[in-house]
Protein backbone atom coordinates (compact mmCIF):
# COMPACT_ATOMS: atom_id res chain seq x y z
CA MET A 1 10.19 36.30 148.53
CA ILE A 2 10.68 39.40 151.09
CA SER A 3 8.67 41.94 150.69
CA ALA A 4 9.57 45.16 153.13
CA THR A 5 9.52 49.12 153.53
CA ASP A 6 12.62 51.03 153.72
CA GLU A 7 12.24 51.90 157.11
CA GLU A 8 11.57 48.03 157.95
CA TRP A 9 14.72 47.04 156.14
CA GLU A 10 16.51 49.76 158.24
CA THR A 11 14.95 48.24 161.10
CA VAL A 12 16.02 44.32 160.11
CA GLY A 13 19.65 45.63 159.30
CA ALA A 14 19.69 47.55 162.93
CA HIS A 15 18.48 44.47 164.61
CA ALA A 16 21.18 42.34 162.91
CA ASP A 17 24.06 44.66 163.40
CA HIS A 18 23.32 44.76 167.26
CA ARG A 19 23.36 40.82 167.32
CA GLY A 20 26.84 40.80 164.93
CA LEU A 21 25.16 39.08 162.39
CA PRO A 22 24.66 39.54 158.68
CA ARG A 23 21.23 40.13 157.74
CA ALA A 24 20.67 37.18 155.53
CA ALA A 25 21.84 35.22 158.90
CA TYR A 26 19.80 37.20 160.68
CA LEU A 27 16.55 36.83 158.57
CA THR A 28 17.45 32.66 158.16
CA ALA A 29 17.36 33.08 162.04
CA LEU A 30 13.86 34.68 162.26
CA ALA A 31 12.46 31.92 159.31
CA VAL A 32 13.78 29.06 161.25
CA ARG A 33 12.01 30.40 164.54
CA ASP A 34 8.80 31.44 162.75
CA VAL A 35 8.92 27.77 161.21
CA ALA A 36 9.19 26.13 165.26
CA GLY A 37 6.61 27.91 166.14
CA GLY A 38 8.47 30.34 168.53
CA GLN A 39 7.20 33.35 167.49
CA ALA A 40 4.26 35.03 169.26
CA GLY A 41 3.53 37.18 166.80
CA PRO A 42 2.53 37.09 162.92
CA PRO A 43 4.48 34.59 161.14
CA LEU A 44 7.42 36.54 159.16
CA VAL A 45 7.70 33.55 156.82
CA MET A 46 4.67 32.54 154.34
CA THR A 47 3.43 29.05 154.21
CA ARG A 48 4.36 26.74 151.33
CA ASP A 49 0.32 27.03 150.75
CA GLU A 50 0.69 30.64 150.54
CA GLN A 51 3.48 30.88 148.59
CA ARG A 52 2.17 28.65 146.03
CA MET A 53 -1.13 30.71 146.09
CA ILE A 54 1.02 33.81 145.35
CA VAL A 55 3.03 32.27 142.70
CA GLU A 56 -0.56 30.91 140.82
CA ALA A 57 -1.87 34.15 140.93
CA LEU A 58 1.10 35.42 139.31
CA ARG A 59 1.04 33.00 136.42
CA GLU A 60 -2.88 34.05 135.72
CA LEU A 61 -1.78 37.42 135.63
CA ARG A 62 0.74 37.00 133.65
CA ARG A 63 -1.44 34.85 131.12
CA GLY A 64 -4.30 36.98 131.32
CA LEU A 65 -1.52 39.97 130.08
CA ALA A 66 0.36 37.95 127.45
CA GLY A 67 -3.22 36.48 126.35
CA ASP A 68 -2.93 33.01 125.44
CA GLY A 69 -4.42 30.62 122.07
CA ASP A 70 -7.76 32.29 121.12
CA THR A 71 -7.41 35.05 123.76
CA PRO A 72 -6.04 38.40 122.60
CA ALA A 73 -3.31 40.24 125.05
CA LEU A 74 -5.14 42.41 127.62
CA ILE A 75 -3.31 45.71 126.68
CA ALA A 76 -3.39 44.97 123.06
CA ASP A 77 -7.48 44.11 123.73
CA ILE A 78 -7.90 47.58 125.33
CA GLN A 79 -6.10 49.45 123.24
CA VAL A 80 -8.38 48.43 120.47
CA ARG A 81 -11.29 48.89 122.08
CA ILE A 82 -10.16 52.64 123.33
CA ALA A 83 -9.47 53.09 119.83
CA THR A 84 -12.76 52.20 118.77
CA MET A 85 -14.59 53.96 121.24
CA PHE A 86 -12.67 57.03 120.34
CA ASP A 87 -13.69 56.85 116.65
CA VAL A 88 -17.49 56.33 117.39
CA TRP A 89 -16.97 59.26 119.56
CA ALA A 90 -15.02 61.51 117.11
CA ARG A 91 -17.27 60.36 114.09
CA ASP A 92 -20.49 61.59 116.52
CA LEU A 93 -19.03 64.83 117.02
CA VAL A 94 -18.00 65.95 113.07
CA ALA A 95 -21.86 64.20 112.66
CA GLU A 96 -23.35 66.26 115.08
CA GLY A 97 -21.43 69.38 113.56
CA GLU A 98 -19.38 69.91 116.73
CA GLN A 99 -15.93 69.80 115.09
CA ASP A 100 -14.98 72.69 117.28
CA ALA A 101 -15.64 70.58 120.46
CA LEU A 102 -13.43 67.32 119.04
CA LEU A 103 -10.68 70.19 118.34
CA ARG A 104 -10.95 71.62 122.25
CA ALA A 105 -10.83 68.03 123.46
CA LEU A 106 -8.23 67.18 121.59
CA SER A 107 -6.36 70.27 122.11
CA SER A 108 -6.50 69.82 126.06
CA THR A 109 -4.94 66.35 125.38
CA ILE A 110 -2.10 66.74 122.76
CA GLY A 111 -1.88 70.25 122.15
CA GLU A 112 -3.34 72.70 119.72
CA ASP A 113 -1.09 72.78 116.65
CA GLN A 114 -1.37 68.29 116.54
CA ALA A 115 -4.65 68.79 117.17
CA ARG A 116 -5.11 70.97 113.78
CA THR A 117 -2.83 68.69 112.22
CA LEU A 118 -5.05 65.28 113.02
CA CYS A 119 -8.24 67.21 112.43
CA CYS A 120 -6.73 68.04 108.84
CA LEU A 121 -5.43 64.55 108.24
CA ALA A 122 -8.49 62.93 109.23
CA ASP A 123 -10.26 65.20 106.49
CA CYS A 124 -13.13 65.52 108.81
CA LEU A 125 -13.31 62.58 109.82
CA THR A 126 -14.90 60.47 106.58
CA THR A 127 -11.96 57.64 107.08
CA ASP A 128 -10.92 55.26 110.39
CA PHE A 129 -9.37 57.97 112.66
CA SER A 130 -8.03 55.57 115.48
CA ASP A 131 -5.77 54.53 111.82
CA TYR A 132 -4.18 58.52 111.86
CA LEU A 133 -3.79 57.85 115.80
CA ALA A 134 -1.86 54.37 115.31
CA ARG A 135 0.14 55.46 112.79
CA LEU A 136 0.96 58.82 114.21
CA GLY A 137 1.51 57.82 118.34
CA PRO A 138 4.76 56.92 118.81
CA GLY A 139 6.57 59.41 116.33
CA PHE A 140 3.82 62.31 116.55
CA PRO A 141 4.57 65.17 118.54
CA GLY A 142 2.47 65.47 121.89
CA LEU A 143 1.47 61.29 121.11
CA SER A 144 4.81 60.20 121.98
CA GLY A 145 4.30 57.21 124.14
CA HIS A 146 1.16 57.04 123.95
CA ARG A 147 -1.02 53.87 122.17
CA VAL A 148 -4.53 53.83 120.99
């Protein structure tokens, strides 16, 4: 795996061109030099252990995101938690007679028209508000692309 900024790639290209080598041959020569121990600076090639550590870290990250067995997928789990917290927050505002505060908060996020529609559909939050968000999410103007 080679990771470099555009500026670093330009430098590699310039050095390769200067030596009359294709970039791949130039990089291969650098890697061989590093493995042979002829480089005074930091190595350009990761050791086998470093490579293995990165691969294992990526596998662990993928497992965490995808979920496995009894563990839900991380993204789905976060969506459920956010929807639940939102539902509790919205119900508390309504219970305290703060429907206007709810409308203002929603308006600042999804726009006034969509906020009013959502509040009307929720019928003063007598049902699970997060269900409305989940159903309206992708096709609902102002919420497109956002999932709860």
